[in-house]
Amino acid sequence: MRHRDTPPPGRRRHPHLPTTEAAVTAIRELAAEYGLELTVTDDIGADRTSRRTSAGAFTVLDPDGSLPHEAFVELTGTPAVTVQLYPEDDARITVDAVEFADVPRDAVPAFLRAVHGDLAYVQSRFFPPGQWLVVPLPGDETYKELIGHAALSPWMARRFR
């Protein structure tokens, strides 16, 4: 189950990050702010990025002549956080094994700031039974994902509401 409130048309809530490298730079700045270390793996070229399975052998450029750039970022600390940045202006963020797909690239720094700034929390319901990791962003934008495994991580257990 995924829930995301979207901004009104024509209104941007987060600073624009035009490239994957701009997003990686923003994540580096955020990591420095929170005292986290990070590891970045870059895949550059149509033959190296994960969503370019239709690219021919030894094809580096997209048909429009652009050079796609994808990055995988792993942040140290608690919770365990990874970010997969795609050339299509979106990202997949995993927080303690809970996956948030299709997060806009512009929202990634705010998302990570909410997680490491103690704004994220776990919500529970008796019927239908379930627990969700909720990550509120500035401007009433919220990401909510079902926690699929039975046991909460220690970090999630401390954020239970």
C-alpha atoms as a PDB file:
ATOM      1  CA  MET A   1       0.000   0.000   0.000  1.00  0.00           C
ATOM      2  CA  ARG A   2       1.415   3.333  -0.986  1.00  0.00           C
ATOM      3  CA  HIS A   3       0.070   6.745  -0.128  1.00  0.00           C
ATOM      4  CA  ARG A   4       1.472   9.977  -1.391  1.00  0.00           C
ATOM      5  CA  ASP A   5      -0.106  13.386  -1.353  1.00  0.00           C
ATOM      6  CA  THR A   6       0.959  15.275  -4.451  1.00  0.00           C
ATOM      7  CA  PRO A   7       1.427  19.020  -4.816  1.00  0.00           C
ATOM      8  CA  PRO A   8      -1.023  21.078  -6.852  1.00  0.00           C
ATOM      9  CA  PRO A   9      -0.182  21.335 -10.574  1.00  0.00           C
ATOM     10  CA  GLY A  10       2.493  23.892 -11.354  1.00  0.00           C
ATOM     11  CA  ARG A  11       3.690  24.116  -7.753  1.00  0.00           C
ATOM     12  CA  ARG A  12       7.026  22.636  -6.695  1.00  0.00           C
ATOM     13  CA  ARG A  13       7.539  21.821  -3.020  1.00  0.00           C
ATOM     14  CA  HIS A  14      11.232  20.907  -3.076  1.00  0.00           C
ATOM     15  CA  PRO A  15      14.303  22.485  -4.676  1.00  0.00           C
ATOM     16  CA  HIS A  16      14.784  21.139  -8.195  1.00  0.00           C
ATOM     17  CA  LEU A  17      17.584  18.606  -8.654  1.00  0.00           C
ATOM     18  CA  PRO A  18      18.084  18.479 -12.435  1.00  0.00           C
ATOM     19  CA  THR A  19      20.534  15.558 -12.514  1.00  0.00           C
ATOM     20  CA  THR A  20      21.433  12.413 -10.633  1.00  0.00           C
ATOM     21  CA  GLU A  21      24.741  14.048  -9.669  1.00  0.00           C
ATOM     22  CA  ALA A  22      22.877  17.027  -8.163  1.00  0.00           C
ATOM     23  CA  ALA A  23      20.854  14.606  -6.044  1.00  0.00           C
ATOM     24  CA  VAL A  24      24.010  12.767  -4.917  1.00  0.00           C
ATOM     25  CA  THR A  25      25.564  16.112  -3.940  1.00  0.00           C
ATOM     26  CA  ALA A  26      22.453  16.999  -1.909  1.00  0.00           C
ATOM     27  CA  ILE A  27      22.617  13.597  -0.163  1.00  0.00           C
ATOM     28  CA  ARG A  28      26.334  14.152   0.600  1.00  0.00           C
ATOM     29  CA  GLU A  29      25.501  17.506   2.229  1.00  0.00           C
ATOM     30  CA  LEU A  30      22.716  15.920   4.268  1.00  0.00           C
ATOM     31  CA  ALA A  31      25.014  13.067   5.352  1.00  0.00           C
ATOM     32  CA  ALA A  32      27.604  15.600   6.540  1.00  0.00           C
ATOM     33  CA  GLU A  33      24.875  17.476   8.447  1.00  0.00           C
ATOM     34  CA  TYR A  34      23.832  14.315  10.318  1.00  0.00           C
ATOM     35  CA  GLY A  35      27.348  12.871  10.698  1.00  0.00           C
ATOM     36  CA  LEU A  36      26.685   9.893   8.415  1.00  0.00           C
ATOM     37  CA  GLU A  37      29.088   8.218   6.047  1.00  0.00           C
ATOM     38  CA  LEU A  38      27.947   7.170   2.607  1.00  0.00           C
ATOM     39  CA  THR A  39      28.980   4.930  -0.232  1.00  0.00           C
ATOM     40  CA  VAL A  40      28.036   5.865  -3.798  1.00  0.00           C
ATOM     41  CA  THR A  41      28.066   3.526  -6.793  1.00  0.00           C
ATOM     42  CA  ASP A  42      27.553   5.199 -10.174  1.00  0.00           C
ATOM     43  CA  ASP A  43      26.326   3.509 -13.349  1.00  0.00           C
ATOM     44  CA  ILE A  44      26.688   5.712 -16.411  1.00  0.00           C
ATOM     45  CA  GLY A  45      25.545   4.775 -19.898  1.00  0.00           C
ATOM     46  CA  ALA A  46      22.507   3.030 -21.354  1.00  0.00           C
ATOM     47  CA  ASP A  47      24.260  -0.338 -21.177  1.00  0.00           C
ATOM     48  CA  ARG A  48      24.910   0.072 -17.416  1.00  0.00           C
ATOM     49  CA  THR A  49      21.670   1.458 -15.982  1.00  0.00           C
ATOM     50  CA  SER A  50      19.055  -0.908 -14.593  1.00  0.00           C
ATOM     51  CA  ARG A  51      16.040   0.360 -16.521  1.00  0.00           C
ATOM     52  CA  ARG A  52      17.724   0.249 -19.934  1.00  0.00           C
ATOM     53  CA  THR A  53      17.314  -3.475 -20.621  1.00  0.00           C
ATOM     54  CA  SER A  54      16.358  -2.725 -24.221  1.00  0.00           C
ATOM     55  CA  ALA A  55      19.704  -1.046 -24.917  1.00  0.00           C
ATOM     56  CA  GLY A  56      21.770  -2.959 -27.409  1.00  0.00           C
ATOM     57  CA  ALA A  57      25.183  -4.410 -26.678  1.00  0.00           C
ATOM     58  CA  PHE A  58      27.838  -1.693 -26.302  1.00  0.00           C
ATOM     59  CA  THR A  59      25.171   1.038 -26.570  1.00  0.00           C
ATOM     60  CA  VAL A  60      26.094   3.871 -24.227  1.00  0.00           C
ATOM     61  CA  LEU A  61      23.807   6.735 -25.268  1.00  0.00           C
ATOM     62  CA  ASP A  62      20.039   6.853 -25.264  1.00  0.00           C
ATOM     63  CA  PRO A  63      18.326   7.292 -28.652  1.00  0.00           C
ATOM     64  CA  ASP A  64      18.078  11.053 -27.958  1.00  0.00           C
ATOM     65  CA  GLY A  65      21.864  11.266 -27.504  1.00  0.00           C
ATOM     66  CA  SER A  66      21.835  11.699 -23.712  1.00  0.00           C
ATOM     67  CA  LEU A  67      24.049   9.762 -21.330  1.00  0.00           C
ATOM     68  CA  PRO A  68      21.895   8.215 -18.572  1.00  0.00           C
ATOM     69  CA  HIS A  69      23.308   8.268 -15.030  1.00  0.00           C
ATOM     70  CA  GLU A  70      22.074   6.102 -12.180  1.00  0.00           C
ATOM     71  CA  ALA A  71      23.460   6.033  -8.632  1.00  0.00           C
ATOM     72  CA  PHE A  72      23.108   3.735  -5.638  1.00  0.00           C
ATOM     73  CA  VAL A  73      23.736   5.473  -2.296  1.00  0.00           C
ATOM     74  CA  GLU A  74      24.124   3.622   0.991  1.00  0.00           C
ATOM     75  CA  LEU A  75      24.085   5.626   4.230  1.00  0.00           C
ATOM     76  CA  THR A  76      25.649   4.335   7.444  1.00  0.00           C
ATOM     77  CA  GLY A  77      23.927   4.493  10.806  1.00  0.00           C
ATOM     78  CA  THR A  78      20.501   3.690  12.098  1.00  0.00           C
ATOM     79  CA  PRO A  79      18.157   3.177  10.353  1.00  0.00           C
ATOM     80  CA  ALA A  80      19.708   1.333   7.419  1.00  0.00           C
ATOM     81  CA  VAL A  81      18.974   3.551   4.398  1.00  0.00           C
ATOM     82  CA  THR A  82      19.702   3.035   0.712  1.00  0.00           C
ATOM     83  CA  VAL A  83      18.738   5.266  -2.210  1.00  0.00           C
ATOM     84  CA  GLN A  84      18.618   4.154  -5.844  1.00  0.00           C
ATOM     85  CA  LEU A  85      18.521   7.265  -8.072  1.00  0.00           C
ATOM     86  CA  TYR A  86      17.241   6.678 -11.605  1.00  0.00           C
ATOM     87  CA  PRO A  87      17.800   8.801 -14.725  1.00  0.00           C
ATOM     88  CA  GLU A  88      14.007   9.203 -15.063  1.00  0.00           C
ATOM     89  CA  ASP A  89      13.864  11.752 -12.195  1.00  0.00           C
ATOM     90  CA  ASP A  90      12.719   9.304  -9.515  1.00  0.00           C
ATOM     91  CA  ALA A  91      14.228   7.182  -6.786  1.00  0.00           C
ATOM     92  CA  ARG A  92      13.644   4.075  -4.702  1.00  0.00           C
ATOM     93  CA  ILE A  93      14.420   4.585  -1.010  1.00  0.00           C
ATOM     94  CA  THR A  94      14.692   1.660   1.407  1.00  0.00           C
ATOM     95  CA  VAL A  95      14.484   2.305   5.155  1.00  0.00           C
ATOM     96  CA  ASP A  96      15.133  -0.752   7.347  1.00  0.00           C
ATOM     97  CA  ALA A  97      13.909  -3.091   4.556  1.00  0.00           C
ATOM     98  CA  VAL A  98      10.760  -1.024   3.878  1.00  0.00           C
ATOM     99  CA  GLU A  99      10.823   0.088   0.235  1.00  0.00           C
ATOM    100  CA  PHE A 100       9.437   3.409  -0.972  1.00  0.00           C
ATOM    101  CA  ALA A 101       9.297   3.293  -4.776  1.00  0.00           C
ATOM    102  CA  ASP A 102       8.788   6.196  -7.172  1.00  0.00           C
ATOM    103  CA  VAL A 103       9.891   8.987  -4.841  1.00  0.00           C
ATOM    104  CA  PRO A 104      10.551  12.071  -7.007  1.00  0.00           C
ATOM    105  CA  ARG A 105      14.265  12.897  -7.164  1.00  0.00           C
ATOM    106  CA  ASP A 106      13.539  16.434  -5.921  1.00  0.00           C
ATOM    107  CA  ALA A 107      11.963  14.994  -2.730  1.00  0.00           C
ATOM    108  CA  VAL A 108      14.871  12.689  -1.798  1.00  0.00           C
ATOM    109  CA  PRO A 109      16.757  15.175   0.471  1.00  0.00           C
ATOM    110  CA  ALA A 110      13.536  16.108   2.322  1.00  0.00           C
ATOM    111  CA  PHE A 111      12.666  12.412   2.693  1.00  0.00           C
ATOM    112  CA  LEU A 112      16.080  11.592   4.184  1.00  0.00           C
ATOM    113  CA  ARG A 113      15.921  14.650   6.436  1.00  0.00           C
ATOM    114  CA  ALA A 114      12.524  13.442   7.750  1.00  0.00           C
ATOM    115  CA  VAL A 115      13.925   9.958   8.445  1.00  0.00           C
ATOM    116  CA  HIS A 116      17.105  11.128  10.161  1.00  0.00           C
ATOM    117  CA  GLY A 117      15.419  14.122  11.794  1.00  0.00           C
ATOM    118  CA  ASP A 118      13.012  11.860  13.725  1.00  0.00           C
ATOM    119  CA  LEU A 119       9.855  12.896  11.842  1.00  0.00           C
ATOM    120  CA  ALA A 120       9.184   9.384  10.471  1.00  0.00           C
ATOM    121  CA  TYR A 121       6.978   7.126  12.577  1.00  0.00           C
ATOM    122  CA  VAL A 122       5.251   3.736  12.594  1.00  0.00           C
ATOM    123  CA  GLN A 123       1.471   3.637  12.561  1.00  0.00           C
ATOM    124  CA  SER A 124      -0.564   0.557  13.456  1.00  0.00           C
ATOM    125  CA  ARG A 125      -4.149  -0.561  12.927  1.00  0.00           C
ATOM    126  CA  PHE A 126      -6.141  -3.477  14.308  1.00  0.00           C
ATOM    127  CA  PHE A 127      -8.523  -3.796  11.345  1.00  0.00           C
ATOM    128  CA  PRO A 128      -7.386  -4.373   8.763  1.00  0.00           C
ATOM    129  CA  PRO A 129      -4.300  -5.426  10.690  1.00  0.00           C
ATOM    130  CA  GLY A 130      -1.040  -3.844   9.667  1.00  0.00           C
ATOM    131  CA  GLN A 131       1.805  -1.536  10.472  1.00  0.00           C
ATOM    132  CA  TRP A 132       2.985   1.268   8.205  1.00  0.00           C
ATOM    133  CA  LEU A 133       6.126   3.348   8.116  1.00  0.00           C
ATOM    134  CA  VAL A 134       5.009   6.941   7.566  1.00  0.00           C
ATOM    135  CA  VAL A 135       7.428   9.630   6.371  1.00  0.00           C
ATOM    136  CA  PRO A 136       5.927  13.155   6.422  1.00  0.00           C
ATOM    137  CA  LEU A 137       7.626  15.799   4.290  1.00  0.00           C
ATOM    138  CA  PRO A 138       7.213  19.578   4.429  1.00  0.00           C
ATOM    139  CA  GLY A 139       4.116  20.883   2.695  1.00  0.00           C
ATOM    140  CA  ASP A 140       1.730  18.073   3.686  1.00  0.00           C
ATOM    141  CA  GLU A 141       3.429  15.489   1.447  1.00  0.00           C
ATOM    142  CA  THR A 142       3.392  12.038   3.067  1.00  0.00           C
ATOM    143  CA  TYR A 143       4.842   8.668   2.084  1.00  0.00           C
ATOM    144  CA  LYS A 144       3.344   5.578   3.693  1.00  0.00           C
ATOM    145  CA  GLU A 145       4.418   1.960   3.129  1.00  0.00           C
ATOM    146  CA  LEU A 146       3.267  -1.294   4.670  1.00  0.00           C
ATOM    147  CA  ILE A 147       5.871  -2.985   6.850  1.00  0.00           C
ATOM    148  CA  GLY A 148       5.876  -6.478   5.388  1.00  0.00           C
ATOM    149  CA  HIS A 149       7.765  -8.471   7.987  1.00  0.00           C
ATOM    150  CA  ALA A 150       6.447  -9.522  11.386  1.00  0.00           C
ATOM    151  CA  ALA A 151       9.117  -7.911  13.586  1.00  0.00           C
ATOM    152  CA  LEU A 152       9.906  -4.211  13.691  1.00  0.00           C
ATOM    153  CA  SER A 153      13.535  -3.145  13.682  1.00  0.00           C
ATOM    154  CA  PRO A 154      14.702  -1.494  16.925  1.00  0.00           C
ATOM    155  CA  TRP A 155      14.678   1.894  15.139  1.00  0.00           C
ATOM    156  CA  MET A 156      11.064   1.400  13.995  1.00  0.00           C
ATOM    157  CA  ALA A 157       9.988   0.151  17.425  1.00  0.00           C
ATOM    158  CA  ARG A 158      11.190   3.445  18.932  1.00  0.00           C
ATOM    159  CA  ARG A 159       9.029   5.387  16.469  1.00  0.00           C
ATOM    160  CA  PHE A 160       5.783   3.558  17.153  1.00  0.00           C
ATOM    161  CA  ARG A 161       2.642   5.720  17.545  1.00  0.00           C
END
